C-alpha atoms as a PDB file:
ATOM      1  CA  MET A   1     -13.710 -69.377 -31.299  1.00  0.00           C
ATOM      2  CA  ASN A   2     -11.829 -69.059 -28.021  1.00  0.00           C
ATOM      3  CA  TYR A   3     -12.116 -70.988 -24.774  1.00  0.00           C
ATOM      4  CA  TRP A   4     -12.094 -69.286 -21.384  1.00  0.00           C
ATOM      5  CA  ILE A   5     -12.199 -69.889 -17.664  1.00  0.00           C
ATOM      6  CA  PHE A   6     -14.305 -67.381 -15.733  1.00  0.00           C
ATOM      7  CA  ILE A   7     -13.192 -67.308 -12.118  1.00  0.00           C
ATOM      8  CA  VAL A   8     -15.696 -66.925  -9.292  1.00  0.00           C
ATOM      9  CA  THR A   9     -14.492 -66.156  -5.776  1.00  0.00           C
ATOM     10  CA  GLN A  10     -16.176 -65.201  -2.535  1.00  0.00           C
ATOM     11  CA  LYS A  11     -16.582 -61.477  -1.949  1.00  0.00           C
ATOM     12  CA  LYS A  12     -16.565 -59.365   1.190  1.00  0.00           C
ATOM     13  CA  THR A  13     -19.473 -57.004   1.657  1.00  0.00           C
ATOM     14  CA  GLU A  14     -20.554 -54.765   4.519  1.00  0.00           C
ATOM     15  CA  SER A  15     -22.885 -57.509   5.693  1.00  0.00           C
ATOM     16  CA  GLY A  16     -20.286 -60.300   5.509  1.00  0.00           C
ATOM     17  CA  LEU A  17     -18.903 -62.809   3.039  1.00  0.00           C
ATOM     18  CA  VAL A  18     -20.882 -63.844  -0.031  1.00  0.00           C
ATOM     19  CA  ALA A  19     -19.997 -67.360  -1.167  1.00  0.00           C
ATOM     20  CA  ALA A  20     -18.630 -67.852  -4.680  1.00  0.00           C
ATOM     21  CA  GLU A  21     -21.335 -70.402  -5.473  1.00  0.00           C
ATOM     22  CA  SER A  22     -24.041 -67.846  -4.564  1.00  0.00           C
ATOM     23  CA  ILE A  23     -22.497 -65.325  -6.927  1.00  0.00           C
ATOM     24  CA  LEU A  24     -22.308 -67.915  -9.697  1.00  0.00           C
ATOM     25  CA  LYS A  25     -25.888 -69.003  -9.135  1.00  0.00           C
ATOM     26  CA  GLN A  26     -27.203 -65.427  -9.472  1.00  0.00           C
ATOM     27  CA  ARG A  27     -25.169 -64.717 -12.593  1.00  0.00           C
ATOM     28  CA  LEU A  28     -26.332 -67.935 -14.264  1.00  0.00           C
ATOM     29  CA  VAL A  29     -29.965 -67.157 -13.437  1.00  0.00           C
ATOM     30  CA  ASP A  30     -29.397 -63.732 -15.020  1.00  0.00           C
ATOM     31  CA  ARG A  31     -27.671 -65.339 -18.033  1.00  0.00           C
ATOM     32  CA  PHE A  32     -25.101 -62.566 -17.610  1.00  0.00           C
ATOM     33  CA  TRP A  33     -21.463 -62.382 -16.559  1.00  0.00           C
ATOM     34  CA  GLY A  34     -20.123 -59.095 -15.233  1.00  0.00           C
ATOM     35  CA  LEU A  35     -16.656 -57.824 -16.077  1.00  0.00           C
ATOM     36  CA  GLY A  36     -14.580 -55.089 -14.540  1.00  0.00           C
ATOM     37  CA  GLU A  37     -12.861 -52.415 -16.582  1.00  0.00           C
ATOM     38  CA  ARG A  38      -9.471 -53.983 -15.809  1.00  0.00           C
ATOM     39  CA  THR A  39     -10.524 -57.595 -16.446  1.00  0.00           C
ATOM     40  CA  PRO A  40      -7.824 -59.241 -18.566  1.00  0.00           C
ATOM     41  CA  TYR A  41      -9.034 -60.124 -22.077  1.00  0.00           C
ATOM     42  CA  ARG A  42     -12.308 -58.192 -21.603  1.00  0.00           C
ATOM     43  CA  ARG A  43     -12.082 -56.817 -25.125  1.00  0.00           C
ATOM     44  CA  ALA A  44     -11.214 -60.237 -26.600  1.00  0.00           C
ATOM     45  CA  LEU A  45     -14.456 -61.966 -25.533  1.00  0.00           C
ATOM     46  CA  ARG A  46     -16.537 -62.797 -28.619  1.00  0.00           C
ATOM     47  CA  LYS A  47     -19.960 -64.188 -29.398  1.00  0.00           C
ATOM     48  CA  GLY A  48     -19.695 -67.970 -29.719  1.00  0.00           C
ATOM     49  CA  ASP A  49     -16.736 -68.338 -27.353  1.00  0.00           C
ATOM     50  CA  ARG A  50     -17.082 -71.136 -24.797  1.00  0.00           C
ATOM     51  CA  VAL A  51     -16.503 -70.669 -21.072  1.00  0.00           C
ATOM     52  CA  VAL A  52     -16.099 -72.887 -18.047  1.00  0.00           C
ATOM     53  CA  PHE A  53     -16.760 -71.503 -14.564  1.00  0.00           C
ATOM     54  CA  TYR A  54     -14.215 -72.104 -11.816  1.00  0.00           C
ATOM     55  CA  VAL A  55     -15.528 -71.697  -8.254  1.00  0.00           C
ATOM     56  CA  GLY A  56     -12.761 -70.884  -5.783  1.00  0.00           C
ATOM     57  CA  ALA A  57     -12.214 -71.770  -2.127  1.00  0.00           C
ATOM     58  CA  PRO A  58     -13.521 -73.517  -0.286  1.00  0.00           C
ATOM     59  CA  MET A  59     -15.083 -75.528  -3.161  1.00  0.00           C
ATOM     60  CA  VAL A  60     -12.265 -75.416  -5.784  1.00  0.00           C
ATOM     61  CA  ILE A  61     -14.332 -76.860  -8.611  1.00  0.00           C
ATOM     62  CA  PHE A  62     -15.359 -76.392 -12.198  1.00  0.00           C
ATOM     63  CA  ALA A  63     -19.126 -75.960 -11.931  1.00  0.00           C
ATOM     64  CA  ALA A  64     -20.618 -75.114 -15.316  1.00  0.00           C
ATOM     65  CA  THR A  65     -20.140 -74.137 -18.947  1.00  0.00           C
ATOM     66  CA  ALA A  66     -21.790 -71.593 -21.215  1.00  0.00           C
ATOM     67  CA  VAL A  67     -21.503 -70.036 -24.639  1.00  0.00           C
ATOM     68  CA  LEU A  68     -21.162 -66.282 -25.047  1.00  0.00           C
ATOM     69  CA  GLU A  69     -24.279 -64.918 -26.728  1.00  0.00           C
ATOM     70  CA  THR A  70     -22.611 -61.514 -27.162  1.00  0.00           C
ATOM     71  CA  ASP A  71     -19.194 -59.954 -27.448  1.00  0.00           C
ATOM     72  CA  GLY A  72     -18.086 -58.142 -24.310  1.00  0.00           C
ATOM     73  CA  PHE A  73     -19.983 -54.855 -24.070  1.00  0.00           C
ATOM     74  CA  GLU A  74     -20.400 -51.761 -21.920  1.00  0.00           C
ATOM     75  CA  LEU A  75     -23.641 -51.736 -19.943  1.00  0.00           C
ATOM     76  CA  ASN A  76     -26.062 -48.840 -20.178  1.00  0.00           C
ATOM     77  CA  ALA A  77     -27.682 -47.420 -17.015  1.00  0.00           C
ATOM     78  CA  LYS A  78     -30.743 -49.688 -17.276  1.00  0.00           C
ATOM     79  CA  GLN A  79     -28.582 -52.805 -17.630  1.00  0.00           C
ATOM     80  CA  LYS A  80     -26.400 -51.759 -14.688  1.00  0.00           C
ATOM     81  CA  ASP A  81     -29.521 -51.526 -12.508  1.00  0.00           C
ATOM     82  CA  GLN A  82     -30.971 -54.782 -13.855  1.00  0.00           C
ATOM     83  CA  TYR A  83     -27.870 -56.905 -13.327  1.00  0.00           C
ATOM     84  CA  SER A  84     -26.807 -55.347 -10.017  1.00  0.00           C
ATOM     85  CA  HIS A  85     -30.046 -56.323  -8.253  1.00  0.00           C
ATOM     86  CA  GLY A  86     -29.576 -53.206  -6.141  1.00  0.00           C
ATOM     87  CA  LYS A  87     -26.366 -54.610  -4.644  1.00  0.00           C
ATOM     88  CA  GLU A  88     -22.943 -53.054  -5.003  1.00  0.00           C
ATOM     89  CA  LEU A  89     -21.514 -56.583  -5.126  1.00  0.00           C
ATOM     90  CA  PHE A  90     -23.067 -57.138  -8.567  1.00  0.00           C
ATOM     91  CA  ARG A  91     -22.568 -53.629 -10.013  1.00  0.00           C
ATOM     92  CA  VAL A  92     -20.279 -53.681 -13.070  1.00  0.00           C
ATOM     93  CA  ASP A  93     -19.695 -51.558 -16.132  1.00  0.00           C
ATOM     94  CA  TYR A  94     -19.065 -54.359 -18.655  1.00  0.00           C
ATOM     95  CA  GLY A  95     -20.297 -57.862 -19.312  1.00  0.00           C
ATOM     96  CA  VAL A  96     -21.412 -60.614 -21.655  1.00  0.00           C
ATOM     97  CA  ILE A  97     -24.732 -62.369 -22.136  1.00  0.00           C
ATOM     98  CA  LEU A  98     -24.628 -66.156 -21.681  1.00  0.00           C
ATOM     99  CA  GLU A  99     -26.512 -68.923 -23.476  1.00  0.00           C
ATOM    100  CA  ASN A 100     -26.483 -72.731 -23.483  1.00  0.00           C
ATOM    101  CA  ILE A 101     -25.625 -72.828 -19.785  1.00  0.00           C
ATOM    102  CA  GLN A 102     -24.915 -76.279 -18.390  1.00  0.00           C
ATOM    103  CA  VAL A 103     -24.495 -76.683 -14.637  1.00  0.00           C
ATOM    104  CA  TRP A 104     -22.738 -79.894 -13.681  1.00  0.00           C
ATOM    105  CA  ASP A 105     -24.109 -82.204 -11.033  1.00  0.00           C
ATOM    106  CA  PRO A 106     -21.723 -83.207  -9.691  1.00  0.00           C
ATOM    107  CA  PRO A 107     -19.171 -80.503 -10.508  1.00  0.00           C
ATOM    108  CA  ARG A 108     -15.584 -81.382 -11.510  1.00  0.00           C
ATOM    109  CA  LEU A 109     -12.810 -81.302  -8.912  1.00  0.00           C
ATOM    110  CA  VAL A 110      -9.862 -79.171 -10.011  1.00  0.00           C
ATOM    111  CA  LYS A 111      -7.355 -81.387  -8.184  1.00  0.00           C
ATOM    112  CA  GLU A 112      -8.549 -84.451 -10.097  1.00  0.00           C
ATOM    113  CA  LEU A 113      -8.329 -82.682 -13.454  1.00  0.00           C
ATOM    114  CA  MET A 114      -5.028 -80.892 -12.828  1.00  0.00           C
ATOM    115  CA  PRO A 115      -2.807 -83.610 -14.354  1.00  0.00           C
ATOM    116  CA  PHE A 116      -4.721 -83.220 -17.636  1.00  0.00           C
ATOM    117  CA  LEU A 117      -4.610 -79.407 -17.839  1.00  0.00           C
ATOM    118  CA  THR A 118      -1.702 -78.003 -19.829  1.00  0.00           C
ATOM    119  CA  PHE A 119      -2.344 -74.353 -18.901  1.00  0.00           C
ATOM    120  CA  ILE A 120      -1.296 -75.214 -15.336  1.00  0.00           C
ATOM    121  CA  LYS A 121       2.450 -75.407 -15.906  1.00  0.00           C
ATOM    122  CA  ASN A 122       3.535 -75.646 -12.261  1.00  0.00           C
ATOM    123  CA  LYS A 123       1.278 -78.196 -10.571  1.00  0.00           C
ATOM    124  CA  GLN A 124       2.762 -77.340  -7.134  1.00  0.00           C
ATOM    125  CA  ILE A 125       1.387 -73.776  -7.219  1.00  0.00           C
ATOM    126  CA  TRP A 126      -1.716 -74.477  -9.314  1.00  0.00           C
ATOM    127  CA  SER A 127      -3.848 -71.929  -7.445  1.00  0.00           C
ATOM    128  CA  ALA A 128      -1.813 -69.101  -8.988  1.00  0.00           C
ATOM    129  CA  TYR A 129      -3.477 -69.909 -12.312  1.00  0.00           C
ATOM    130  CA  PHE A 130      -6.896 -68.931 -10.908  1.00  0.00           C
ATOM    131  CA  GLN A 131      -6.149 -65.465  -9.545  1.00  0.00           C
ATOM    132  CA  SER A 132      -7.715 -63.102 -12.050  1.00  0.00           C
ATOM    133  CA  GLY A 133     -11.206 -62.903 -13.488  1.00  0.00           C
ATOM    134  CA  VAL A 134     -10.742 -64.428 -16.948  1.00  0.00           C
ATOM    135  CA  HIS A 135      -8.166 -66.793 -18.457  1.00  0.00           C
ATOM    136  CA  ILE A 136      -7.891 -68.059 -22.004  1.00  0.00           C
ATOM    137  CA  ILE A 137      -7.297 -71.803 -22.325  1.00  0.00           C
ATOM    138  CA  SER A 138      -6.806 -74.233 -25.180  1.00  0.00           C
ATOM    139  CA  GLU A 139      -9.610 -76.239 -26.714  1.00  0.00           C
ATOM    140  CA  GLU A 140      -7.875 -79.361 -25.399  1.00  0.00           C
ATOM    141  CA  ASP A 141      -7.920 -78.072 -21.806  1.00  0.00           C
ATOM    142  CA  PHE A 142     -11.545 -77.009 -22.173  1.00  0.00           C
ATOM    143  CA  GLN A 143     -12.450 -80.471 -23.451  1.00  0.00           C
ATOM    144  CA  ALA A 144     -10.517 -82.183 -20.627  1.00  0.00           C
ATOM    145  CA  ILE A 145     -12.656 -80.266 -18.126  1.00  0.00           C
ATOM    146  CA  VAL A 146     -15.924 -80.881 -19.981  1.00  0.00           C
ATOM    147  CA  ASP A 147     -15.144 -84.597 -20.408  1.00  0.00           C
ATOM    148  CA  ASN A 148     -14.237 -84.759 -16.698  1.00  0.00           C
ATOM    149  CA  ARG A 149     -11.071 -86.715 -17.316  1.00  0.00           C
ATOM    150  CA  GLY A 150     -10.486 -86.743 -13.562  1.00  0.00           C
ATOM    151  CA  LEU A 151     -13.710 -88.758 -13.055  1.00  0.00           C
ATOM    152  CA  SER A 152     -14.909 -86.700 -10.110  1.00  0.00           C
ATOM    153  CA  LYS A 153     -16.218 -88.425  -7.022  1.00  0.00           C
ATOM    154  CA  LEU A 154     -17.633 -85.201  -5.556  1.00  0.00           C
ATOM    155  CA  THR A 155     -21.188 -85.342  -4.327  1.00  0.00           C
ATOM    156  CA  SER A 156     -23.750 -83.153  -6.015  1.00  0.00           C
ATOM    157  CA  MET A 157     -24.106 -79.428  -5.435  1.00  0.00           C
ATOM    158  CA  SER A 158     -27.270 -77.509  -6.185  1.00  0.00           C
ATOM    159  CA  LEU A 159     -26.757 -74.346  -8.239  1.00  0.00           C
END
């Protein structure tokens, strides 16, 4: 079993910016996570792997966990339509099905957890570690996030 961070960032569309937390909320309702063809580690994602979701600026939080119900797979035409909701923003060619989703209320603050995360080698430029769609992390780092070793004081967020 592997442990992953799935990174959610705001996206520009023709009608304006879509907040990262809105994207996460839709994907968790769908129990699906979309992946691009060039997503690092796309082919390494396996059923049973555990993921934590990082929501980028302005929130900069860890918001939820899930277990992969499937390996990464290529979507057929019906699945592409289903998971895109008719919006280019959500249209992808690859993905994974999610199960055992847990949304945290309150979420975990990245800055509070940073001292406990070994995958962030340079704490001064920590944001560089959250710049692509998927990152593999150690079980210890995953557990530090899940256990909320930073003891977040963030108020609740509804996802």
